[in-house]
N, C-alpha and C. Protein backbone atom coordinates (compact mmCIF):
# COMPACT_ATOMS: atom_id res chain seq x y z
N MET A 1 -10.36 -2.08 16.08
CA MET A 1 -10.33 -1.98 17.54
C MET A 1 -9.22 -1.03 17.95
N GLY A 2 -9.54 0.04 18.65
CA GLY A 2 -8.54 0.99 19.11
C GLY A 2 -8.04 0.65 20.49
N TYR A 3 -7.21 1.52 21.04
CA TYR A 3 -6.65 1.26 22.36
C TYR A 3 -7.63 1.68 23.44
N ASN A 4 -7.75 0.88 24.50
CA ASN A 4 -8.49 1.26 25.69
C ASN A 4 -7.84 0.56 26.87
N GLU A 5 -8.32 0.86 28.06
CA GLU A 5 -7.68 0.33 29.26
C GLU A 5 -7.75 -1.19 29.34
N ALA A 6 -8.76 -1.77 28.67
CA ALA A 6 -8.92 -3.22 28.72
C ALA A 6 -8.08 -3.93 27.66
N SER A 7 -7.41 -3.16 26.80
CA SER A 7 -6.61 -3.78 25.75
C SER A 7 -5.42 -4.52 26.35
N PRO A 8 -4.97 -5.61 25.70
CA PRO A 8 -3.82 -6.35 26.22
C PRO A 8 -2.55 -5.51 26.13
N PRO A 9 -1.54 -5.80 26.99
CA PRO A 9 -0.28 -5.07 26.93
C PRO A 9 0.34 -5.17 25.54
N ARG A 10 0.92 -4.08 25.09
CA ARG A 10 1.49 -4.05 23.74
C ARG A 10 2.97 -3.70 23.84
N GLN A 11 3.77 -4.71 24.12
CA GLN A 11 5.19 -4.52 24.30
C GLN A 11 5.88 -4.43 22.95
N SER A 12 6.71 -3.41 22.78
CA SER A 12 7.46 -3.26 21.53
C SER A 12 8.35 -4.48 21.31
N TRP A 13 8.58 -4.84 20.06
CA TRP A 13 9.45 -5.97 19.77
C TRP A 13 10.20 -5.72 18.46
N ASP A 14 11.33 -6.38 18.33
CA ASP A 14 12.09 -6.28 17.09
C ASP A 14 12.70 -7.64 16.77
N LEU A 15 12.97 -7.85 15.50
CA LEU A 15 13.47 -9.15 15.03
C LEU A 15 14.52 -8.95 13.94
N PRO A 16 15.78 -9.30 14.22
CA PRO A 16 16.80 -9.27 13.16
C PRO A 16 16.55 -10.40 12.17
N PHE A 17 16.79 -10.14 10.90
CA PHE A 17 16.65 -11.17 9.87
C PHE A 17 17.54 -10.80 8.69
N THR A 18 17.70 -11.73 7.78
CA THR A 18 18.46 -11.50 6.56
C THR A 18 17.49 -11.23 5.43
N ALA A 19 17.72 -10.18 4.68
CA ALA A 19 16.80 -9.78 3.61
C ALA A 19 16.85 -10.78 2.46
N GLU A 20 15.94 -11.73 2.51
CA GLU A 20 15.79 -12.75 1.48
C GLU A 20 14.30 -12.88 1.17
N PRO A 21 13.93 -13.19 -0.07
CA PRO A 21 12.51 -13.30 -0.41
C PRO A 21 11.74 -14.27 0.46
N GLU A 22 12.38 -15.39 0.84
CA GLU A 22 11.67 -16.39 1.64
C GLU A 22 11.37 -15.92 3.06
N GLU A 23 12.03 -14.86 3.51
CA GLU A 23 11.77 -14.34 4.85
C GLU A 23 10.46 -13.56 4.93
N VAL A 24 9.99 -13.08 3.79
CA VAL A 24 8.81 -12.21 3.79
C VAL A 24 7.59 -12.93 4.36
N ALA A 25 7.36 -14.17 3.95
CA ALA A 25 6.20 -14.91 4.44
C ALA A 25 6.28 -15.12 5.95
N THR A 26 7.48 -15.39 6.47
CA THR A 26 7.66 -15.57 7.91
C THR A 26 7.33 -14.28 8.66
N LEU A 27 7.80 -13.15 8.15
CA LEU A 27 7.54 -11.87 8.79
C LEU A 27 6.05 -11.53 8.77
N ARG A 28 5.39 -11.87 7.69
CA ARG A 28 3.95 -11.62 7.60
C ARG A 28 3.20 -12.45 8.65
N ARG A 29 3.62 -13.71 8.84
CA ARG A 29 2.97 -14.55 9.85
C ARG A 29 3.20 -13.99 11.25
N LEU A 30 4.41 -13.50 11.51
CA LEU A 30 4.70 -12.92 12.82
C LEU A 30 3.87 -11.66 13.07
N MET A 31 3.68 -10.86 12.02
CA MET A 31 2.85 -9.67 12.17
C MET A 31 1.42 -10.06 12.54
N ARG A 32 0.89 -11.07 11.87
CA ARG A 32 -0.47 -11.52 12.18
C ARG A 32 -0.55 -12.02 13.62
N LEU A 33 0.44 -12.79 14.05
CA LEU A 33 0.45 -13.34 15.40
C LEU A 33 0.49 -12.23 16.44
N HIS A 34 1.44 -11.31 16.31
CA HIS A 34 1.62 -10.28 17.33
C HIS A 34 0.45 -9.29 17.35
N LEU A 35 -0.02 -8.88 16.19
CA LEU A 35 -1.15 -7.95 16.18
C LEU A 35 -2.41 -8.62 16.72
N GLY A 36 -2.54 -9.93 16.48
CA GLY A 36 -3.66 -10.66 17.07
C GLY A 36 -3.58 -10.67 18.58
N LEU A 37 -2.37 -10.88 19.12
CA LEU A 37 -2.18 -10.86 20.57
C LEU A 37 -2.44 -9.48 21.15
N TRP A 38 -2.20 -8.45 20.36
CA TRP A 38 -2.46 -7.08 20.80
C TRP A 38 -3.93 -6.68 20.64
N GLY A 39 -4.72 -7.57 20.06
CA GLY A 39 -6.13 -7.25 19.84
C GLY A 39 -6.34 -6.29 18.68
N LEU A 40 -5.42 -6.30 17.71
CA LEU A 40 -5.50 -5.37 16.58
C LEU A 40 -5.69 -6.12 15.26
N GLU A 41 -6.63 -7.05 15.26
CA GLU A 41 -6.87 -7.84 14.05
C GLU A 41 -7.27 -6.97 12.86
N ASP A 42 -7.89 -5.82 13.14
CA ASP A 42 -8.39 -4.97 12.06
C ASP A 42 -7.28 -4.42 11.16
N VAL A 43 -6.06 -4.31 11.68
CA VAL A 43 -4.98 -3.73 10.87
C VAL A 43 -4.00 -4.78 10.36
N VAL A 44 -4.31 -6.06 10.57
CA VAL A 44 -3.37 -7.12 10.20
C VAL A 44 -3.04 -7.09 8.71
N GLU A 45 -4.05 -7.04 7.85
CA GLU A 45 -3.80 -7.12 6.41
C GLU A 45 -2.98 -5.93 5.93
N ALA A 46 -3.32 -4.74 6.41
CA ALA A 46 -2.57 -3.55 6.01
C ALA A 46 -1.13 -3.64 6.51
N ALA A 47 -0.94 -4.11 7.75
CA ALA A 47 0.41 -4.23 8.32
C ALA A 47 1.23 -5.26 7.55
N GLN A 48 0.62 -6.38 7.19
CA GLN A 48 1.34 -7.39 6.43
C GLN A 48 1.78 -6.85 5.07
N LEU A 49 0.90 -6.11 4.42
CA LEU A 49 1.26 -5.56 3.12
C LEU A 49 2.42 -4.57 3.26
N CYS A 50 2.37 -3.72 4.29
CA CYS A 50 3.45 -2.75 4.50
C CYS A 50 4.77 -3.44 4.77
N VAL A 51 4.75 -4.49 5.60
CA VAL A 51 5.98 -5.23 5.88
C VAL A 51 6.53 -5.84 4.59
N SER A 52 5.65 -6.43 3.79
CA SER A 52 6.09 -7.03 2.52
C SER A 52 6.78 -6.00 1.64
N GLU A 53 6.17 -4.82 1.51
CA GLU A 53 6.73 -3.80 0.62
C GLU A 53 8.02 -3.21 1.17
N LEU A 54 8.09 -2.97 2.48
CA LEU A 54 9.30 -2.39 3.06
C LEU A 54 10.48 -3.35 2.97
N VAL A 55 10.22 -4.63 3.22
CA VAL A 55 11.30 -5.62 3.14
C VAL A 55 11.71 -5.84 1.69
N THR A 56 10.74 -5.91 0.80
CA THR A 56 11.05 -6.06 -0.63
C THR A 56 11.88 -4.88 -1.13
N ASN A 57 11.61 -3.70 -0.59
CA ASN A 57 12.39 -2.52 -0.97
C ASN A 57 13.86 -2.69 -0.60
N VAL A 58 14.13 -3.28 0.58
CA VAL A 58 15.51 -3.54 0.99
C VAL A 58 16.15 -4.56 0.05
N ILE A 59 15.43 -5.64 -0.24
CA ILE A 59 15.97 -6.69 -1.11
C ILE A 59 16.31 -6.12 -2.48
N THR A 60 15.42 -5.27 -3.02
CA THR A 60 15.58 -4.75 -4.37
C THR A 60 16.66 -3.68 -4.47
N HIS A 61 16.67 -2.76 -3.50
CA HIS A 61 17.52 -1.58 -3.63
C HIS A 61 18.79 -1.60 -2.77
N VAL A 62 18.83 -2.46 -1.76
CA VAL A 62 20.05 -2.58 -0.95
C VAL A 62 20.77 -3.88 -1.30
N GLY A 63 20.02 -4.98 -1.38
CA GLY A 63 20.63 -6.21 -1.84
C GLY A 63 20.23 -7.43 -1.04
N LEU A 64 20.27 -8.57 -1.70
CA LEU A 64 20.00 -9.84 -1.03
C LEU A 64 21.02 -10.08 0.08
N GLY A 65 20.56 -10.67 1.16
CA GLY A 65 21.47 -11.00 2.25
C GLY A 65 21.78 -9.85 3.18
N THR A 66 21.15 -8.70 2.98
CA THR A 66 21.41 -7.55 3.85
C THR A 66 20.90 -7.82 5.27
N PRO A 67 21.73 -7.62 6.30
CA PRO A 67 21.25 -7.77 7.68
C PRO A 67 20.23 -6.67 7.99
N THR A 68 19.03 -7.06 8.33
CA THR A 68 17.91 -6.13 8.47
C THR A 68 17.18 -6.43 9.77
N THR A 69 16.45 -5.46 10.27
CA THR A 69 15.67 -5.65 11.49
C THR A 69 14.26 -5.11 11.28
N LEU A 70 13.28 -5.90 11.71
CA LEU A 70 11.88 -5.45 11.75
C LEU A 70 11.56 -5.07 13.19
N ALA A 71 11.05 -3.87 13.40
CA ALA A 71 10.67 -3.41 14.74
C ALA A 71 9.23 -2.92 14.70
N VAL A 72 8.45 -3.35 15.68
CA VAL A 72 7.03 -2.99 15.74
C VAL A 72 6.72 -2.46 17.14
N SER A 73 6.00 -1.35 17.18
CA SER A 73 5.66 -0.73 18.47
C SER A 73 4.37 0.05 18.32
N MET A 74 3.87 0.56 19.45
CA MET A 74 2.71 1.44 19.44
C MET A 74 3.18 2.87 19.65
N ASN A 75 2.66 3.78 18.84
CA ASN A 75 2.91 5.20 19.00
C ASN A 75 1.55 5.86 19.21
N GLY A 76 1.12 5.91 20.46
CA GLY A 76 -0.24 6.36 20.74
C GLY A 76 -1.23 5.34 20.22
N THR A 77 -2.12 5.79 19.33
CA THR A 77 -3.10 4.87 18.73
C THR A 77 -2.64 4.35 17.38
N TYR A 78 -1.37 4.52 17.06
CA TYR A 78 -0.83 4.07 15.78
C TYR A 78 0.11 2.88 15.97
N VAL A 79 0.01 1.90 15.09
CA VAL A 79 0.99 0.82 15.02
C VAL A 79 2.15 1.32 14.18
N ARG A 80 3.34 1.32 14.75
CA ARG A 80 4.53 1.79 14.04
C ARG A 80 5.34 0.59 13.58
N ILE A 81 5.63 0.54 12.29
CA ILE A 81 6.42 -0.54 11.70
C ILE A 81 7.71 0.06 11.17
N GLU A 82 8.84 -0.47 11.62
CA GLU A 82 10.14 0.00 11.15
C GLU A 82 10.91 -1.15 10.51
N VAL A 83 11.57 -0.85 9.40
CA VAL A 83 12.51 -1.79 8.80
C VAL A 83 13.86 -1.08 8.74
N ARG A 84 14.84 -1.65 9.42
CA ARG A 84 16.15 -1.02 9.57
C ARG A 84 17.19 -1.79 8.76
N ASP A 85 18.00 -1.06 8.00
CA ASP A 85 19.09 -1.69 7.25
C ASP A 85 20.32 -0.79 7.31
N PRO A 86 21.51 -1.31 7.01
CA PRO A 86 22.75 -0.55 7.20
C PRO A 86 23.11 0.41 6.07
N ASP A 87 22.35 0.44 4.98
CA ASP A 87 22.70 1.28 3.84
C ASP A 87 22.03 2.64 3.96
N THR A 88 22.81 3.67 4.24
CA THR A 88 22.26 5.01 4.40
C THR A 88 22.23 5.79 3.09
N ARG A 89 22.57 5.12 1.98
CA ARG A 89 22.59 5.81 0.68
C ARG A 89 21.32 5.56 -0.12
N ALA A 90 20.80 4.33 -0.08
CA ALA A 90 19.62 3.99 -0.88
C ALA A 90 18.36 4.41 -0.13
N LEU A 91 17.86 5.60 -0.46
CA LEU A 91 16.70 6.14 0.26
C LEU A 91 15.42 5.87 -0.52
N PRO A 92 14.41 5.30 0.12
CA PRO A 92 13.13 5.07 -0.56
C PRO A 92 12.48 6.39 -0.95
N THR A 93 11.90 6.44 -2.14
CA THR A 93 11.18 7.62 -2.60
C THR A 93 9.91 7.19 -3.31
N LEU A 94 8.98 8.12 -3.42
CA LEU A 94 7.77 7.86 -4.19
C LEU A 94 8.06 8.22 -5.64
N LEU A 95 8.33 7.21 -6.45
CA LEU A 95 8.62 7.45 -7.85
C LEU A 95 7.33 7.56 -8.63
N ASP A 96 7.36 8.39 -9.66
CA ASP A 96 6.21 8.48 -10.56
C ASP A 96 6.36 7.37 -11.57
N ALA A 97 5.94 6.17 -11.16
CA ALA A 97 6.16 4.98 -11.98
C ALA A 97 5.42 5.09 -13.29
N GLY A 98 6.11 4.76 -14.38
CA GLY A 98 5.49 4.80 -15.69
C GLY A 98 4.58 3.61 -15.90
N ILE A 99 3.79 3.67 -16.95
CA ILE A 99 2.87 2.59 -17.27
C ILE A 99 3.66 1.32 -17.53
N GLY A 100 3.26 0.24 -16.86
CA GLY A 100 3.93 -1.04 -17.03
C GLY A 100 5.15 -1.20 -16.16
N SER A 101 5.54 -0.15 -15.42
CA SER A 101 6.72 -0.23 -14.57
C SER A 101 6.33 -0.59 -13.15
N GLU A 102 7.08 -1.52 -12.55
CA GLU A 102 6.82 -1.89 -11.17
C GLU A 102 7.63 -1.04 -10.20
N SER A 103 8.66 -0.34 -10.71
CA SER A 103 9.53 0.45 -9.85
C SER A 103 8.75 1.60 -9.22
N GLY A 104 8.90 1.77 -7.93
CA GLY A 104 8.25 2.87 -7.24
C GLY A 104 6.86 2.57 -6.75
N ARG A 105 6.27 1.46 -7.21
CA ARG A 105 4.90 1.15 -6.83
C ARG A 105 4.81 0.76 -5.36
N GLY A 106 5.84 0.06 -4.82
CA GLY A 106 5.77 -0.44 -3.45
C GLY A 106 5.60 0.66 -2.43
N MET A 107 6.46 1.68 -2.46
CA MET A 107 6.38 2.76 -1.49
C MET A 107 5.14 3.61 -1.72
N ARG A 108 4.70 3.72 -2.97
CA ARG A 108 3.46 4.46 -3.23
C ARG A 108 2.28 3.74 -2.59
N LEU A 109 2.30 2.40 -2.63
CA LEU A 109 1.23 1.63 -2.00
C LEU A 109 1.28 1.80 -0.49
N VAL A 110 2.48 1.77 0.09
CA VAL A 110 2.62 2.00 1.53
C VAL A 110 2.08 3.37 1.91
N ALA A 111 2.42 4.38 1.12
CA ALA A 111 1.97 5.74 1.41
C ALA A 111 0.46 5.87 1.34
N SER A 112 -0.17 5.11 0.45
CA SER A 112 -1.62 5.21 0.31
C SER A 112 -2.36 4.46 1.42
N ILE A 113 -1.70 3.48 2.03
CA ILE A 113 -2.34 2.68 3.09
C ILE A 113 -2.07 3.28 4.47
N ALA A 114 -0.82 3.67 4.71
CA ALA A 114 -0.42 4.14 6.03
C ALA A 114 -0.92 5.56 6.29
N ALA A 115 -1.10 5.87 7.57
CA ALA A 115 -1.47 7.23 7.95
C ALA A 115 -0.31 8.18 7.69
N ARG A 116 0.91 7.68 7.84
CA ARG A 116 2.12 8.46 7.56
C ARG A 116 3.29 7.50 7.43
N TRP A 117 4.36 7.97 6.77
CA TRP A 117 5.55 7.15 6.62
C TRP A 117 6.75 8.08 6.46
N GLY A 118 7.94 7.52 6.59
CA GLY A 118 9.13 8.35 6.44
C GLY A 118 10.40 7.53 6.51
N VAL A 119 11.53 8.23 6.44
CA VAL A 119 12.85 7.61 6.50
C VAL A 119 13.70 8.39 7.49
N GLU A 120 14.37 7.68 8.38
CA GLU A 120 15.28 8.30 9.33
C GLU A 120 16.69 7.77 9.09
N LEU A 121 17.66 8.67 9.07
CA LEU A 121 19.06 8.28 8.94
C LEU A 121 19.71 8.37 10.31
N ARG A 122 20.25 7.25 10.76
CA ARG A 122 20.96 7.21 12.03
C ARG A 122 22.44 6.98 11.76
N ALA A 123 23.23 6.88 12.82
CA ALA A 123 24.68 6.81 12.66
C ALA A 123 25.11 5.70 11.71
N HIS A 124 24.56 4.51 11.88
CA HIS A 124 25.02 3.38 11.08
C HIS A 124 23.87 2.62 10.43
N GLN A 125 22.72 3.25 10.30
CA GLN A 125 21.62 2.54 9.68
C GLN A 125 20.56 3.51 9.16
N LYS A 126 19.73 2.98 8.30
CA LYS A 126 18.57 3.70 7.77
C LYS A 126 17.32 3.03 8.32
N VAL A 127 16.35 3.82 8.72
CA VAL A 127 15.08 3.30 9.23
C VAL A 127 13.95 3.80 8.34
N THR A 128 13.30 2.88 7.66
CA THR A 128 12.12 3.21 6.87
C THR A 128 10.91 2.77 7.69
N TRP A 129 10.00 3.71 7.95
CA TRP A 129 8.91 3.41 8.87
C TRP A 129 7.57 3.85 8.30
N CYS A 130 6.52 3.26 8.84
CA CYS A 130 5.17 3.71 8.53
C CYS A 130 4.31 3.47 9.76
N GLU A 131 3.20 4.19 9.84
CA GLU A 131 2.30 4.06 10.98
C GLU A 131 0.87 3.85 10.48
N LEU A 132 0.19 2.90 11.10
CA LEU A 132 -1.20 2.58 10.77
C LEU A 132 -2.10 2.98 11.92
N SER A 133 -3.15 3.70 11.63
CA SER A 133 -4.07 4.13 12.67
C SER A 133 -4.94 2.97 13.13
N THR A 134 -5.15 2.88 14.44
CA THR A 134 -6.08 1.88 14.99
C THR A 134 -7.39 2.53 15.41
N ALA A 135 -7.50 3.85 15.21
CA ALA A 135 -8.73 4.55 15.58
C ALA A 135 -9.74 4.44 14.44
N PRO A 136 -11.03 4.38 14.75
CA PRO A 136 -12.05 4.29 13.70
C PRO A 136 -12.00 5.50 12.78
N VAL A 137 -12.12 5.26 11.49
CA VAL A 137 -12.15 6.33 10.49
C VAL A 137 -13.38 6.13 9.62
N MET A 138 -14.21 7.15 9.53
CA MET A 138 -15.40 7.06 8.69
C MET A 138 -15.02 7.30 7.24
N PRO A 139 -15.41 6.42 6.32
CA PRO A 139 -15.11 6.65 4.91
C PRO A 139 -15.82 7.88 4.39
N CYS A 140 -15.19 8.54 3.41
CA CYS A 140 -15.78 9.73 2.83
C CYS A 140 -17.06 9.36 2.08
N PRO A 141 -18.09 10.20 2.15
CA PRO A 141 -19.31 9.91 1.40
C PRO A 141 -19.05 9.95 -0.09
N VAL A 142 -19.70 9.06 -0.82
CA VAL A 142 -19.52 8.97 -2.26
C VAL A 142 -20.86 9.23 -2.93
N ASN A 143 -20.89 10.16 -3.86
CA ASN A 143 -22.12 10.46 -4.58
C ASN A 143 -22.50 9.30 -5.49
N ASP A 144 -23.78 8.99 -5.53
CA ASP A 144 -24.26 7.92 -6.39
C ASP A 144 -24.49 8.49 -7.78
N SER A 145 -23.83 7.92 -8.78
CA SER A 145 -24.00 8.38 -10.15
C SER A 145 -23.74 7.22 -11.09
N PRO A 146 -24.29 7.28 -12.31
CA PRO A 146 -24.04 6.20 -13.28
C PRO A 146 -22.56 5.99 -13.57
N ARG A 147 -21.79 7.10 -13.62
CA ARG A 147 -20.35 6.96 -13.90
C ARG A 147 -19.65 6.16 -12.81
N LEU A 148 -19.94 6.49 -11.55
CA LEU A 148 -19.30 5.76 -10.45
C LEU A 148 -19.74 4.31 -10.43
N SER A 149 -21.00 4.06 -10.74
CA SER A 149 -21.49 2.68 -10.77
C SER A 149 -20.79 1.88 -11.86
N ARG A 150 -20.60 2.50 -13.03
CA ARG A 150 -19.90 1.81 -14.11
C ARG A 150 -18.45 1.54 -13.72
N ALA A 151 -17.80 2.53 -13.09
CA ALA A 151 -16.40 2.36 -12.69
C ALA A 151 -16.26 1.24 -11.65
N GLU A 152 -17.16 1.22 -10.66
CA GLU A 152 -17.08 0.19 -9.63
C GLU A 152 -17.34 -1.19 -10.22
N GLY A 153 -18.26 -1.27 -11.17
CA GLY A 153 -18.52 -2.55 -11.82
C GLY A 153 -17.31 -3.05 -12.59
N LEU A 154 -16.63 -2.13 -13.27
CA LEU A 154 -15.43 -2.50 -14.03
C LEU A 154 -14.32 -2.95 -13.10
N LEU A 155 -14.14 -2.24 -11.98
CA LEU A 155 -13.11 -2.63 -11.01
C LEU A 155 -13.41 -4.00 -10.43
N ASP A 156 -14.69 -4.28 -10.15
CA ASP A 156 -15.06 -5.59 -9.62
C ASP A 156 -14.72 -6.70 -10.60
N LEU A 157 -14.93 -6.45 -11.90
CA LEU A 157 -14.63 -7.46 -12.91
C LEU A 157 -13.13 -7.65 -13.09
N TYR A 158 -12.37 -6.60 -12.85
CA TYR A 158 -10.95 -6.58 -13.20
C TYR A 158 -10.02 -6.92 -12.04
N LYS A 159 -10.51 -6.77 -10.81
CA LYS A 159 -9.61 -6.87 -9.66
C LYS A 159 -9.03 -8.27 -9.50
N ALA A 160 -7.93 -8.35 -8.77
CA ALA A 160 -7.24 -9.63 -8.57
C ALA A 160 -8.11 -10.59 -7.78
N GLU A 161 -7.83 -11.88 -7.93
CA GLU A 161 -8.64 -12.90 -7.28
C GLU A 161 -8.56 -12.82 -5.76
N GLN A 162 -7.42 -12.40 -5.23
CA GLN A 162 -7.24 -12.38 -3.78
C GLN A 162 -7.18 -10.96 -3.26
N SER A 163 -8.12 -10.14 -3.64
CA SER A 163 -8.15 -8.77 -3.16
C SER A 163 -8.58 -8.75 -1.70
N PRO A 164 -8.03 -7.80 -0.87
CA PRO A 164 -8.38 -7.72 0.54
C PRO A 164 -9.86 -7.40 0.73
N ARG A 165 -10.45 -7.95 1.80
CA ARG A 165 -11.86 -7.73 2.06
C ARG A 165 -12.10 -7.29 3.50
N ALA A 166 -11.10 -6.72 4.14
CA ALA A 166 -11.27 -6.30 5.54
C ALA A 166 -12.30 -5.19 5.64
N ALA A 167 -13.05 -5.18 6.75
CA ALA A 167 -14.11 -4.20 6.92
C ALA A 167 -13.68 -3.05 7.81
N SER A 168 -12.43 -3.03 8.27
CA SER A 168 -11.97 -1.99 9.17
C SER A 168 -11.60 -0.73 8.41
N ALA A 169 -11.25 0.32 9.19
CA ALA A 169 -10.81 1.57 8.56
C ALA A 169 -9.56 1.33 7.74
N GLU A 170 -8.58 0.56 8.29
CA GLU A 170 -7.37 0.28 7.53
C GLU A 170 -7.70 -0.61 6.34
N GLY A 171 -8.68 -1.53 6.53
CA GLY A 171 -9.10 -2.34 5.41
C GLY A 171 -9.70 -1.49 4.30
N HIS A 172 -10.42 -0.44 4.70
CA HIS A 172 -10.99 0.49 3.71
C HIS A 172 -9.88 1.16 2.92
N ARG A 173 -8.84 1.64 3.61
CA ARG A 173 -7.70 2.26 2.92
C ARG A 173 -7.02 1.25 2.00
N LEU A 174 -6.90 0.01 2.49
CA LEU A 174 -6.23 -1.02 1.70
C LEU A 174 -7.01 -1.32 0.43
N ARG A 175 -8.34 -1.42 0.54
CA ARG A 175 -9.16 -1.67 -0.64
C ARG A 175 -9.03 -0.52 -1.64
N LEU A 176 -9.02 0.72 -1.13
CA LEU A 176 -8.89 1.87 -2.03
C LEU A 176 -7.53 1.87 -2.73
N ALA A 177 -6.48 1.52 -1.99
CA ALA A 177 -5.14 1.48 -2.59
C ALA A 177 -5.07 0.41 -3.68
N CYS A 178 -5.64 -0.76 -3.40
CA CYS A 178 -5.63 -1.83 -4.40
C CYS A 178 -6.50 -1.47 -5.59
N ALA A 179 -7.62 -0.78 -5.33
CA ALA A 179 -8.48 -0.34 -6.43
C ALA A 179 -7.75 0.67 -7.31
N GLU A 180 -6.92 1.52 -6.68
CA GLU A 180 -6.14 2.49 -7.45
C GLU A 180 -5.17 1.77 -8.38
N GLU A 181 -4.48 0.73 -7.85
CA GLU A 181 -3.57 -0.04 -8.69
C GLU A 181 -4.32 -0.73 -9.81
N THR A 182 -5.52 -1.25 -9.51
CA THR A 182 -6.33 -1.90 -10.54
C THR A 182 -6.73 -0.90 -11.61
N ALA A 183 -7.12 0.31 -11.20
CA ALA A 183 -7.50 1.34 -12.16
C ALA A 183 -6.33 1.68 -13.09
N ILE A 184 -5.12 1.75 -12.52
CA ILE A 184 -3.94 2.02 -13.33
C ILE A 184 -3.74 0.92 -14.37
N ASN A 185 -3.92 -0.33 -13.93
CA ASN A 185 -3.77 -1.45 -14.87
C ASN A 185 -4.84 -1.42 -15.96
N ILE A 186 -6.06 -1.04 -15.59
CA ILE A 186 -7.13 -0.93 -16.59
C ILE A 186 -6.77 0.11 -17.63
N ILE A 187 -6.34 1.29 -17.16
CA ILE A 187 -5.98 2.37 -18.09
C ILE A 187 -4.83 1.93 -19.00
N ALA A 188 -3.82 1.26 -18.40
CA ALA A 188 -2.67 0.81 -19.19
C ALA A 188 -3.11 -0.18 -20.27
N ASP A 189 -3.98 -1.12 -19.90
CA ASP A 189 -4.44 -2.11 -20.88
C ASP A 189 -5.25 -1.45 -21.99
N LEU A 190 -6.08 -0.47 -21.62
CA LEU A 190 -6.85 0.23 -22.65
C LEU A 190 -5.94 1.01 -23.60
N LEU A 191 -4.87 1.59 -23.06
CA LEU A 191 -3.93 2.31 -23.92
C LEU A 191 -3.21 1.35 -24.86
N HIS A 192 -2.86 0.16 -24.36
CA HIS A 192 -2.25 -0.85 -25.23
C HIS A 192 -3.23 -1.26 -26.33
N TRP A 193 -4.50 -1.41 -25.96
CA TRP A 193 -5.52 -1.80 -26.94
C TRP A 193 -5.67 -0.73 -28.02
N LEU A 194 -5.70 0.53 -27.60
CA LEU A 194 -5.82 1.63 -28.56
C LEU A 194 -4.61 1.67 -29.50
N HIS A 195 -3.42 1.49 -28.92
CA HIS A 195 -2.21 1.51 -29.74
C HIS A 195 -2.22 0.37 -30.75
N ALA A 196 -2.67 -0.81 -30.30
CA ALA A 196 -2.71 -1.98 -31.19
C ALA A 196 -3.68 -1.77 -32.35
N HIS A 197 -4.67 -0.89 -32.16
CA HIS A 197 -5.65 -0.62 -33.21
C HIS A 197 -5.38 0.69 -33.93
N GLY A 198 -4.15 1.19 -33.78
CA GLY A 198 -3.73 2.36 -34.54
C GLY A 198 -4.30 3.68 -34.08
N ARG A 199 -4.76 3.74 -32.84
CA ARG A 199 -5.31 4.99 -32.32
C ARG A 199 -4.25 5.75 -31.54
N ASP A 200 -4.44 7.06 -31.43
CA ASP A 200 -3.50 7.92 -30.71
C ASP A 200 -3.89 7.92 -29.23
N ALA A 201 -3.11 7.20 -28.40
CA ALA A 201 -3.44 7.07 -26.99
C ALA A 201 -3.40 8.42 -26.27
N ASP A 202 -2.42 9.27 -26.62
CA ASP A 202 -2.33 10.58 -25.97
C ASP A 202 -3.56 11.44 -26.26
N ASP A 203 -4.03 11.37 -27.51
CA ASP A 203 -5.22 12.13 -27.88
C ASP A 203 -6.44 11.63 -27.10
N VAL A 204 -6.55 10.32 -26.95
CA VAL A 204 -7.67 9.75 -26.20
C VAL A 204 -7.61 10.18 -24.74
N LEU A 205 -6.41 10.17 -24.14
CA LEU A 205 -6.26 10.62 -22.76
C LEU A 205 -6.66 12.08 -22.60
N ASP A 206 -6.24 12.92 -23.55
CA ASP A 206 -6.60 14.34 -23.49
C ASP A 206 -8.11 14.53 -23.57
N ARG A 207 -8.75 13.78 -24.46
CA ARG A 207 -10.20 13.90 -24.60
C ARG A 207 -10.92 13.40 -23.36
N ALA A 208 -10.40 12.28 -22.79
CA ALA A 208 -11.01 11.75 -21.57
C ALA A 208 -10.87 12.75 -20.42
N GLN A 209 -9.70 13.38 -20.31
CA GLN A 209 -9.49 14.39 -19.27
C GLN A 209 -10.44 15.56 -19.44
N ALA A 210 -10.65 15.97 -20.69
CA ALA A 210 -11.56 17.08 -20.95
C ALA A 210 -12.99 16.73 -20.54
N HIS A 211 -13.42 15.49 -20.85
CA HIS A 211 -14.76 15.06 -20.45
C HIS A 211 -14.87 14.95 -18.93
N PHE A 212 -13.78 14.48 -18.30
CA PHE A 212 -13.78 14.36 -16.83
C PHE A 212 -13.94 15.73 -16.18
N GLU A 213 -13.19 16.71 -16.67
CA GLU A 213 -13.24 18.05 -16.08
C GLU A 213 -14.58 18.72 -16.35
N ALA A 214 -15.18 18.41 -17.51
CA ALA A 214 -16.46 19.02 -17.85
C ALA A 214 -17.63 18.27 -17.22
N GLY A 215 -17.37 17.03 -16.76
CA GLY A 215 -18.44 16.24 -16.16
C GLY A 215 -19.44 15.74 -17.16
N THR A 216 -18.98 15.48 -18.39
CA THR A 216 -19.88 15.02 -19.44
C THR A 216 -19.48 13.63 -19.90
N ASP A 217 -20.43 12.94 -20.54
CA ASP A 217 -20.15 11.64 -21.13
C ASP A 217 -19.60 11.81 -22.53
N VAL A 218 -18.84 10.81 -22.98
CA VAL A 218 -18.35 10.82 -24.36
C VAL A 218 -19.52 10.49 -25.27
N PRO A 219 -19.75 11.29 -26.34
CA PRO A 219 -20.87 11.01 -27.24
C PRO A 219 -20.74 9.62 -27.85
N ALA A 220 -21.86 8.93 -27.96
CA ALA A 220 -21.85 7.58 -28.53
C ALA A 220 -21.59 7.64 -30.02
């Protein structure tokens, strides 16, 4: 649901809190409540995930007990989520996380879900923000092919039990982001399996890349 003249008033709000793991669930509930009051149920799941990752980033890289503020507002047709903390040195970045590493995955997930994100340095605080579009977005057309069908079937078998199922544009982005993480886990597990059976994982990756670029199947 996007903005129109009949939409309820959307007053900006902010909430100071202490960066502790137990605060994350409370902040997620508040996001659901406020976005519901704004008539933006379609972006609730994506917004909750972004809040979780942004706050967890403060806990992990700035420290437990950090005085932090969550601020939510509308920027045109975008929901803007800000997490403010006093440490201007620890800047979030998109790390090229290695296989099996959780570091860097949070901000990469935010970047894949949000329409845009960034970091602002102010006099005495850092603001990490992201924006979620409330305007309808048509998903890109996908060609029907046996390879894509096999990949989608594998993702369905492998995905987490509580994967998001929203039907909105943001829900579509969220599903794609989670599917990307699932695909990474599948590849990592296959590489572990190959290594355990004495195979050269790098060689297999090179061959798979060659088949991908050529658009051919691996010979049986």
